[in-house]
All heavy atoms as atom14 arrays in JSON, in Angstrom:
{
  "sequence": "AAEIERGAIEERTRDGLHRALRDGRQPGVVPFGYSVER",
  "atom14_mask": [
    [1, 1, 1, 1, 1, 0, 0, 0, 0, 0, 0, 0, 0, 0],
    [1, 1, 1, 1, 1, 0, 0, 0, 0, 0, 0, 0, 0, 0],
    [1, 1, 1, 1, 1, 1, 1, 1, 1, 0, 0, 0, 0, 0],
    [1, 1, 1, 1, 1, 1, 1, 1, 0, 0, 0, 0, 0, 0],
    [1, 1, 1, 1, 1, 1, 1, 1, 1, 0, 0, 0, 0, 0],
    [1, 1, 1, 1, 1, 1, 1, 1, 1, 1, 1, 0, 0, 0],
    [1, 1, 1, 1, 0, 0, 0, 0, 0, 0, 0, 0, 0, 0],
    [1, 1, 1, 1, 1, 0, 0, 0, 0, 0, 0, 0, 0, 0],
    [1, 1, 1, 1, 1, 1, 1, 1, 0, 0, 0, 0, 0, 0],
    [1, 1, 1, 1, 1, 1, 1, 1, 1, 0, 0, 0, 0, 0],
    [1, 1, 1, 1, 1, 1, 1, 1, 1, 0, 0, 0, 0, 0],
    [1, 1, 1, 1, 1, 1, 1, 1, 1, 1, 1, 0, 0, 0],
    [1, 1, 1, 1, 1, 1, 1, 0, 0, 0, 0, 0, 0, 0],
    [1, 1, 1, 1, 1, 1, 1, 1, 1, 1, 1, 0, 0, 0],
    [1, 1, 1, 1, 1, 1, 1, 1, 0, 0, 0, 0, 0, 0],
    [1, 1, 1, 1, 0, 0, 0, 0, 0, 0, 0, 0, 0, 0],
    [1, 1, 1, 1, 1, 1, 1, 1, 0, 0, 0, 0, 0, 0],
    [1, 1, 1, 1, 1, 1, 1, 1, 1, 1, 0, 0, 0, 0],
    [1, 1, 1, 1, 1, 1, 1, 1, 1, 1, 1, 0, 0, 0],
    [1, 1, 1, 1, 1, 0, 0, 0, 0, 0, 0, 0, 0, 0],
    [1, 1, 1, 1, 1, 1, 1, 1, 0, 0, 0, 0, 0, 0],
    [1, 1, 1, 1, 1, 1, 1, 1, 1, 1, 1, 0, 0, 0],
    [1, 1, 1, 1, 1, 1, 1, 1, 0, 0, 0, 0, 0, 0],
    [1, 1, 1, 1, 0, 0, 0, 0, 0, 0, 0, 0, 0, 0],
    [1, 1, 1, 1, 1, 1, 1, 1, 1, 1, 1, 0, 0, 0],
    [1, 1, 1, 1, 1, 1, 1, 1, 1, 0, 0, 0, 0, 0],
    [1, 1, 1, 1, 1, 1, 1, 0, 0, 0, 0, 0, 0, 0],
    [1, 1, 1, 1, 0, 0, 0, 0, 0, 0, 0, 0, 0, 0],
    [1, 1, 1, 1, 1, 1, 1, 0, 0, 0, 0, 0, 0, 0],
    [1, 1, 1, 1, 1, 1, 1, 0, 0, 0, 0, 0, 0, 0],
    [1, 1, 1, 1, 1, 1, 1, 0, 0, 0, 0, 0, 0, 0],
    [1, 1, 1, 1, 1, 1, 1, 1, 1, 1, 1, 0, 0, 0],
    [1, 1, 1, 1, 0, 0, 0, 0, 0, 0, 0, 0, 0, 0],
    [1, 1, 1, 1, 1, 1, 1, 1, 1, 1, 1, 1, 0, 0],
    [1, 1, 1, 1, 1, 1, 0, 0, 0, 0, 0, 0, 0, 0],
    [1, 1, 1, 1, 1, 1, 1, 0, 0, 0, 0, 0, 0, 0],
    [1, 1, 1, 1, 1, 1, 1, 1, 1, 0, 0, 0, 0, 0],
    [1, 1, 1, 1, 1, 1, 1, 1, 1, 1, 1, 0, 0, 0]
  ],
  "atom14_positions": [
    [[0.84, -1.21, 0.0], [0.0, 0.0, 0.0], [0.87, 1.26, 0.0], [0.59, 2.22, -0.72], [-0.94, 0.0, 1.21], [0.0, 0.0, 0.0], [0.0, 0.0, 0.0], [0.0, 0.0, 0.0], [0.0, 0.0, 0.0], [0.0, 0.0, 0.0], [0.0, 0.0, 0.0], [0.0, 0.0, 0.0], [0.0, 0.0, 0.0], [0.0, 0.0, 0.0]],
    [[1.95, 1.25, 0.79], [2.85, 2.4, 0.83], [3.52, 2.62, -0.51], [3.7, 3.75, -0.96], [3.91, 2.2, 1.93], [0.0, 0.0, 0.0], [0.0, 0.0, 0.0], [0.0, 0.0, 0.0], [0.0, 0.0, 0.0], [0.0, 0.0, 0.0], [0.0, 0.0, 0.0], [0.0, 0.0, 0.0], [0.0, 0.0, 0.0], [0.0, 0.0, 0.0]],
    [[3.88, 1.52, -1.17], [4.52, 1.62, -2.47], [3.56, 2.2, -3.52], [3.94, 3.04, -4.33], [5.01, 0.24, -2.9], [6.17, 0.29, -3.86], [6.87, -1.05, -3.95], [7.26, -1.6, -2.92], [7.01, -1.52, -5.08], [0.0, 0.0, 0.0], [0.0, 0.0, 0.0], [0.0, 0.0, 0.0], [0.0, 0.0, 0.0], [0.0, 0.0, 0.0]],
    [[2.31, 1.77, -3.47], [1.3, 2.3, -4.39], [1.1, 3.79, -4.14], [1.02, 4.59, -5.08], [-0.02, 1.51, -4.26], [0.17, 0.11, -4.85], [-1.17, 2.24, -4.93], [-0.95, -0.86, -4.53], [0.0, 0.0, 0.0], [0.0, 0.0, 0.0], [0.0, 0.0, 0.0], [0.0, 0.0, 0.0], [0.0, 0.0, 0.0], [0.0, 0.0, 0.0]],
    [[1.02, 4.19, -2.88], [0.84, 5.61, -2.55], [2.03, 6.44, -3.01], [1.87, 7.53, -3.54], [0.62, 5.78, -1.04], [0.52, 7.22, -0.59], [-0.64, 8.0, -1.22], [-1.58, 7.39, -1.77], [-0.61, 9.24, -1.19], [0.0, 0.0, 0.0], [0.0, 0.0, 0.0], [0.0, 0.0, 0.0], [0.0, 0.0, 0.0], [0.0, 0.0, 0.0]],
    [[3.25, 5.92, -2.82], [4.44, 6.64, -3.27], [4.39, 6.85, -4.78], [4.67, 7.93, -5.3], [5.71, 5.89, -2.88], [6.99, 6.65, -3.21], [8.22, 5.98, -2.64], [8.41, 4.63, -3.1], [9.08, 4.29, -4.19], [9.64, 5.22, -4.94], [9.22, 3.04, -4.54], [0.0, 0.0, 0.0], [0.0, 0.0, 0.0], [0.0, 0.0, 0.0]],
    [[3.97, 5.82, -5.52], [3.84, 5.94, -6.97], [2.79, 6.97, -7.36], [2.98, 7.74, -8.31], [0.0, 0.0, 0.0], [0.0, 0.0, 0.0], [0.0, 0.0, 0.0], [0.0, 0.0, 0.0], [0.0, 0.0, 0.0], [0.0, 0.0, 0.0], [0.0, 0.0, 0.0], [0.0, 0.0, 0.0], [0.0, 0.0, 0.0], [0.0, 0.0, 0.0]],
    [[1.68, 7.0, -6.62], [0.62, 7.97, -6.91], [1.11, 9.4, -6.65], [0.81, 10.31, -7.42], [-0.62, 7.67, -6.06], [0.0, 0.0, 0.0], [0.0, 0.0, 0.0], [0.0, 0.0, 0.0], [0.0, 0.0, 0.0], [0.0, 0.0, 0.0], [0.0, 0.0, 0.0], [0.0, 0.0, 0.0], [0.0, 0.0, 0.0], [0.0, 0.0, 0.0]],
    [[1.88, 9.59, -5.58], [2.43, 10.92, -5.28], [3.39, 11.36, -6.39], [3.33, 12.49, -6.85], [3.15, 10.91, -3.91], [2.12, 10.8, -2.78], [3.99, 12.17, -3.72], [2.73, 10.5, -1.42], [0.0, 0.0, 0.0], [0.0, 0.0, 0.0], [0.0, 0.0, 0.0], [0.0, 0.0, 0.0], [0.0, 0.0, 0.0], [0.0, 0.0, 0.0]],
    [[4.24, 10.45, -6.83], [5.18, 10.77, -7.91], [4.42, 11.15, -9.18], [4.78, 12.1, -9.87], [6.11, 9.59, -8.17], [7.13, 9.37, -7.08], [7.92, 8.08, -7.27], [7.61, 7.29, -8.2], [8.84, 7.86, -6.48], [0.0, 0.0, 0.0], [0.0, 0.0, 0.0], [0.0, 0.0, 0.0], [0.0, 0.0, 0.0], [0.0, 0.0, 0.0]],
    [[3.36, 10.4, -9.49], [2.58, 10.67, -10.69], [1.89, 12.04, -10.6], [1.9, 12.81, -11.56], [1.54, 9.57, -10.89], [0.76, 9.71, -12.17], [-0.22, 8.55, -12.39], [-0.19, 7.59, -11.61], [-1.01, 8.64, -13.33], [0.0, 0.0, 0.0], [0.0, 0.0, 0.0], [0.0, 0.0, 0.0], [0.0, 0.0, 0.0], [0.0, 0.0, 0.0]],
    [[1.29, 12.34, -9.45], [0.63, 13.64, -9.28], [1.63, 14.78, -9.38], [1.36, 15.82, -9.99], [-0.11, 13.7, -7.94], [-1.37, 12.86, -7.91], [-2.21, 13.13, -6.67], [-1.53, 12.89, -5.42], [-1.56, 11.75, -4.75], [-2.24, 10.72, -5.21], [-0.94, 11.63, -3.59], [0.0, 0.0, 0.0], [0.0, 0.0, 0.0], [0.0, 0.0, 0.0]],
    [[2.8, 14.6, -8.8], [3.84, 15.64, -8.86], [4.28, 15.87, -10.3], [4.38, 17.0, -10.76], [5.05, 15.24, -7.98], [4.59, 15.08, -6.64], [6.14, 16.29, -8.04], [0.0, 0.0, 0.0], [0.0, 0.0, 0.0], [0.0, 0.0, 0.0], [0.0, 0.0, 0.0], [0.0, 0.0, 0.0], [0.0, 0.0, 0.0], [0.0, 0.0, 0.0]],
    [[4.54, 14.79, -11.02], [4.97, 14.89, -12.41], [3.9, 15.56, -13.27], [4.19, 16.46, -14.06], [5.3, 13.49, -12.95], [5.89, 13.47, -14.34], [6.26, 12.07, -14.81], [5.15, 11.14, -14.68], [5.1, 10.13, -13.81], [6.1, 9.94, -12.97], [4.06, 9.32, -13.76], [0.0, 0.0, 0.0], [0.0, 0.0, 0.0], [0.0, 0.0, 0.0]],
    [[2.64, 15.15, -13.07], [1.54, 15.75, -13.83], [1.41, 17.24, -13.53], [1.16, 18.05, -14.42], [0.21, 15.04, -13.53], [0.16, 13.63, -14.1], [1.04, 13.28, -14.92], [-0.76, 12.88, -13.72], [0.0, 0.0, 0.0], [0.0, 0.0, 0.0], [0.0, 0.0, 0.0], [0.0, 0.0, 0.0], [0.0, 0.0, 0.0], [0.0, 0.0, 0.0]],
    [[1.58, 17.62, -12.27], [1.51, 19.04, -11.88], [2.62, 19.86, -12.51], [2.39, 20.98, -12.98], [0.0, 0.0, 0.0], [0.0, 0.0, 0.0], [0.0, 0.0, 0.0], [0.0, 0.0, 0.0], [0.0, 0.0, 0.0], [0.0, 0.0, 0.0], [0.0, 0.0, 0.0], [0.0, 0.0, 0.0], [0.0, 0.0, 0.0], [0.0, 0.0, 0.0]],
    [[3.83, 19.3, -12.55], [4.95, 20.01, -13.19], [4.71, 20.16, -14.68], [4.95, 21.23, -15.25], [6.26, 19.25, -12.93], [6.8, 19.31, -11.51], [7.99, 18.37, -11.36], [7.19, 20.73, -11.14], [0.0, 0.0, 0.0], [0.0, 0.0, 0.0], [0.0, 0.0, 0.0], [0.0, 0.0, 0.0], [0.0, 0.0, 0.0], [0.0, 0.0, 0.0]],
    [[4.22, 19.11, -15.32], [3.94, 19.2, -16.77], [2.85, 20.22, -17.06], [2.95, 20.99, -18.02], [3.53, 17.83, -17.32], [4.67, 16.88, -17.41], [4.49, 15.52, -17.49], [6.01, 17.07, -17.42], [5.67, 14.92, -17.55], [6.6, 15.84, -17.5], [0.0, 0.0, 0.0], [0.0, 0.0, 0.0], [0.0, 0.0, 0.0], [0.0, 0.0, 0.0]],
    [[1.81, 20.26, -16.22], [0.74, 21.24, -16.41], [1.29, 22.65, -16.26], [0.98, 23.54, -17.05], [-0.39, 20.99, -15.4], [-1.58, 21.92, -15.61], [-2.73, 21.65, -14.64], [-2.32, 21.73, -13.26], [-2.11, 20.69, -12.44], [-2.3, 19.45, -12.88], [-1.74, 20.86, -11.2], [0.0, 0.0, 0.0], [0.0, 0.0, 0.0], [0.0, 0.0, 0.0]],
    [[2.14, 22.87, -15.25], [2.72, 24.21, -15.05], [3.54, 24.61, -16.27], [3.44, 25.75, -16.75], [3.6, 24.22, -13.8], [0.0, 0.0, 0.0], [0.0, 0.0, 0.0], [0.0, 0.0, 0.0], [0.0, 0.0, 0.0], [0.0, 0.0, 0.0], [0.0, 0.0, 0.0], [0.0, 0.0, 0.0], [0.0, 0.0, 0.0], [0.0, 0.0, 0.0]],
    [[4.34, 23.69, -16.79], [5.15, 24.01, -17.97], [4.26, 24.3, -19.19], [4.54, 25.24, -19.94], [6.12, 22.86, -18.27], [7.25, 22.69, -17.25], [8.01, 21.38, -17.49], [8.2, 23.88, -17.3], [0.0, 0.0, 0.0], [0.0, 0.0, 0.0], [0.0, 0.0, 0.0], [0.0, 0.0, 0.0], [0.0, 0.0, 0.0], [0.0, 0.0, 0.0]],
    [[3.21, 23.5, -19.39], [2.29, 23.75, -20.51], [1.61, 25.11, -20.37], [1.34, 25.77, -21.36], [1.22, 22.65, -20.58], [1.67, 21.38, -21.25], [0.49, 20.47, -21.56], [-0.4, 20.24, -20.44], [-0.24, 19.29, -19.51], [0.79, 18.49, -19.59], [-1.11, 19.15, -18.53], [0.0, 0.0, 0.0], [0.0, 0.0, 0.0], [0.0, 0.0, 0.0]],
    [[1.35, 25.52, -19.12], [0.7, 26.82, -18.87], [1.69, 27.99, -18.91], [1.33, 29.12, -18.65], [-0.01, 26.81, -17.52], [-1.21, 25.89, -17.49], [-1.66, 25.46, -18.58], [-1.7, 25.59, -16.38], [0.0, 0.0, 0.0], [0.0, 0.0, 0.0], [0.0, 0.0, 0.0], [0.0, 0.0, 0.0], [0.0, 0.0, 0.0], [0.0, 0.0, 0.0]],
    [[2.96, 27.67, -19.22], [3.96, 28.72, -19.34], [4.54, 29.19, -18.02], [5.19, 30.21, -17.94], [0.0, 0.0, 0.0], [0.0, 0.0, 0.0], [0.0, 0.0, 0.0], [0.0, 0.0, 0.0], [0.0, 0.0, 0.0], [0.0, 0.0, 0.0], [0.0, 0.0, 0.0], [0.0, 0.0, 0.0], [0.0, 0.0, 0.0], [0.0, 0.0, 0.0]],
    [[4.3, 28.43, -16.95], [4.85, 28.8, -15.64], [6.17, 28.09, -15.42], [6.38, 26.98, -15.92], [3.87, 28.44, -14.52], [2.64, 29.35, -14.54], [1.65, 29.0, -13.45], [0.93, 27.79, -13.84], [0.75, 26.73, -13.05], [1.18, 26.71, -11.83], [0.09, 25.68, -13.5], [0.0, 0.0, 0.0], [0.0, 0.0, 0.0], [0.0, 0.0, 0.0]],
    [[7.04, 28.72, -14.66], [8.33, 28.15, -14.34], [8.26, 27.51, -12.95], [8.31, 28.21, -11.95], [9.41, 29.24, -14.35], [10.77, 28.79, -13.88], [11.31, 27.61, -14.67], [11.26, 27.6, -15.88], [11.84, 26.62, -13.98], [0.0, 0.0, 0.0], [0.0, 0.0, 0.0], [0.0, 0.0, 0.0], [0.0, 0.0, 0.0], [0.0, 0.0, 0.0]],
    [[8.11, 26.18, -12.86], [8.04, 25.53, -11.55], [9.44, 25.37, -10.96], [10.45, 25.39, -11.66], [7.43, 24.16, -11.86], [7.84, 23.89, -13.27], [7.92, 25.23, -13.95], [0.0, 0.0, 0.0], [0.0, 0.0, 0.0], [0.0, 0.0, 0.0], [0.0, 0.0, 0.0], [0.0, 0.0, 0.0], [0.0, 0.0, 0.0], [0.0, 0.0, 0.0]],
    [[9.49, 25.22, -9.67], [10.76, 24.93, -9.01], [11.51, 26.17, -8.58], [10.98, 27.28, -8.56], [0.0, 0.0, 0.0], [0.0, 0.0, 0.0], [0.0, 0.0, 0.0], [0.0, 0.0, 0.0], [0.0, 0.0, 0.0], [0.0, 0.0, 0.0], [0.0, 0.0, 0.0], [0.0, 0.0, 0.0], [0.0, 0.0, 0.0], [0.0, 0.0, 0.0]],
    [[12.76, 25.95, -8.26], [13.62, 27.01, -7.73], [14.19, 27.83, -8.88], [14.65, 27.28, -9.88], [14.78, 26.38, -6.9], [15.74, 27.44, -6.41], [14.21, 25.58, -5.75], [0.0, 0.0, 0.0], [0.0, 0.0, 0.0], [0.0, 0.0, 0.0], [0.0, 0.0, 0.0], [0.0, 0.0, 0.0], [0.0, 0.0, 0.0], [0.0, 0.0, 0.0]],
    [[14.17, 29.13, -8.71], [14.75, 30.03, -9.71], [16.23, 30.19, -9.38], [16.59, 30.54, -8.24], [14.04, 31.41, -9.69], [14.68, 32.36, -10.68], [12.55, 31.23, -10.0], [0.0, 0.0, 0.0], [0.0, 0.0, 0.0], [0.0, 0.0, 0.0], [0.0, 0.0, 0.0], [0.0, 0.0, 0.0], [0.0, 0.0, 0.0], [0.0, 0.0, 0.0]],
    [[17.12, 29.96, -10.33], [18.56, 30.05, -10.06], [18.96, 31.46, -9.63], [18.4, 32.46, -10.09], [19.21, 29.7, -11.4], [18.15, 29.05, -12.21], [16.85, 29.57, -11.71], [0.0, 0.0, 0.0], [0.0, 0.0, 0.0], [0.0, 0.0, 0.0], [0.0, 0.0, 0.0], [0.0, 0.0, 0.0], [0.0, 0.0, 0.0], [0.0, 0.0, 0.0]],
    [[19.96, 31.52, -8.74], [20.5, 32.8, -8.29], [21.03, 33.55, -9.51], [21.7, 32.98, -10.36], [21.63, 32.58, -7.28], [22.15, 33.83, -6.67], [21.43, 34.5, -5.69], [23.36, 34.36, -7.09], [21.91, 35.66, -5.12], [23.85, 35.52, -6.53], [23.13, 36.18, -5.54], [0.0, 0.0, 0.0], [0.0, 0.0, 0.0], [0.0, 0.0, 0.0]],
    [[20.72, 34.82, -9.59], [21.13, 35.63, -10.73], [20.0, 35.87, -11.71], [20.15, 36.61, -12.68], [0.0, 0.0, 0.0], [0.0, 0.0, 0.0], [0.0, 0.0, 0.0], [0.0, 0.0, 0.0], [0.0, 0.0, 0.0], [0.0, 0.0, 0.0], [0.0, 0.0, 0.0], [0.0, 0.0, 0.0], [0.0, 0.0, 0.0], [0.0, 0.0, 0.0]],
    [[18.86, 35.21, -11.46], [17.7, 35.34, -12.33], [16.44, 35.6, -11.5], [16.38, 35.28, -10.32], [17.46, 34.06, -13.14], [18.54, 33.76, -14.13], [19.62, 32.96, -13.77], [18.48, 34.26, -15.42], [20.63, 32.67, -14.68], [19.48, 33.97, -16.35], [20.55, 33.18, -15.97], [21.53, 32.89, -16.87], [0.0, 0.0, 0.0], [0.0, 0.0, 0.0]],
    [[15.45, 36.15, -12.15], [14.1, 36.21, -11.6], [13.17, 35.71, -12.7], [13.59, 35.57, -13.86], [13.72, 37.62, -11.15], [13.6, 38.48, -12.27], [0.0, 0.0, 0.0], [0.0, 0.0, 0.0], [0.0, 0.0, 0.0], [0.0, 0.0, 0.0], [0.0, 0.0, 0.0], [0.0, 0.0, 0.0], [0.0, 0.0, 0.0], [0.0, 0.0, 0.0]],
    [[11.95, 35.45, -12.35], [10.98, 34.99, -13.34], [9.91, 36.07, -13.45], [9.37, 36.53, -12.46], [10.34, 33.65, -12.93], [9.23, 33.25, -13.88], [11.4, 32.56, -12.89], [0.0, 0.0, 0.0], [0.0, 0.0, 0.0], [0.0, 0.0, 0.0], [0.0, 0.0, 0.0], [0.0, 0.0, 0.0], [0.0, 0.0, 0.0], [0.0, 0.0, 0.0]],
    [[9.66, 36.46, -14.7], [8.62, 37.46, -14.95], [7.7, 36.93, -16.02], [8.13, 36.26, -16.96], [9.25, 38.79, -15.39], [10.06, 39.45, -14.31], [10.68, 40.77, -14.76], [10.34, 41.25, -15.86], [11.5, 41.3, -14.0], [0.0, 0.0, 0.0], [0.0, 0.0, 0.0], [0.0, 0.0, 0.0], [0.0, 0.0, 0.0], [0.0, 0.0, 0.0]],
    [[6.42, 37.25, -15.89], [5.42, 36.83, -16.88], [5.48, 37.83, -18.04], [5.4, 39.03, -17.83], [4.03, 36.82, -16.25], [3.0, 36.26, -17.21], [1.87, 35.53, -16.54], [2.25, 34.44, -15.67], [2.12, 33.15, -15.98], [1.64, 32.81, -17.14], [2.45, 32.23, -15.14], [0.0, 0.0, 0.0], [0.0, 0.0, 0.0], [0.0, 0.0, 0.0]]
  ]
}
């Protein structure tokens, strides 16, 4: 059950990151020396 839940969390995280990228958003940490602007 724990293994199935871990897989589901990984899948939801991956799907969320892909959705953010498709929507033109920059997910994650912004490297030092840069900012993110729309």
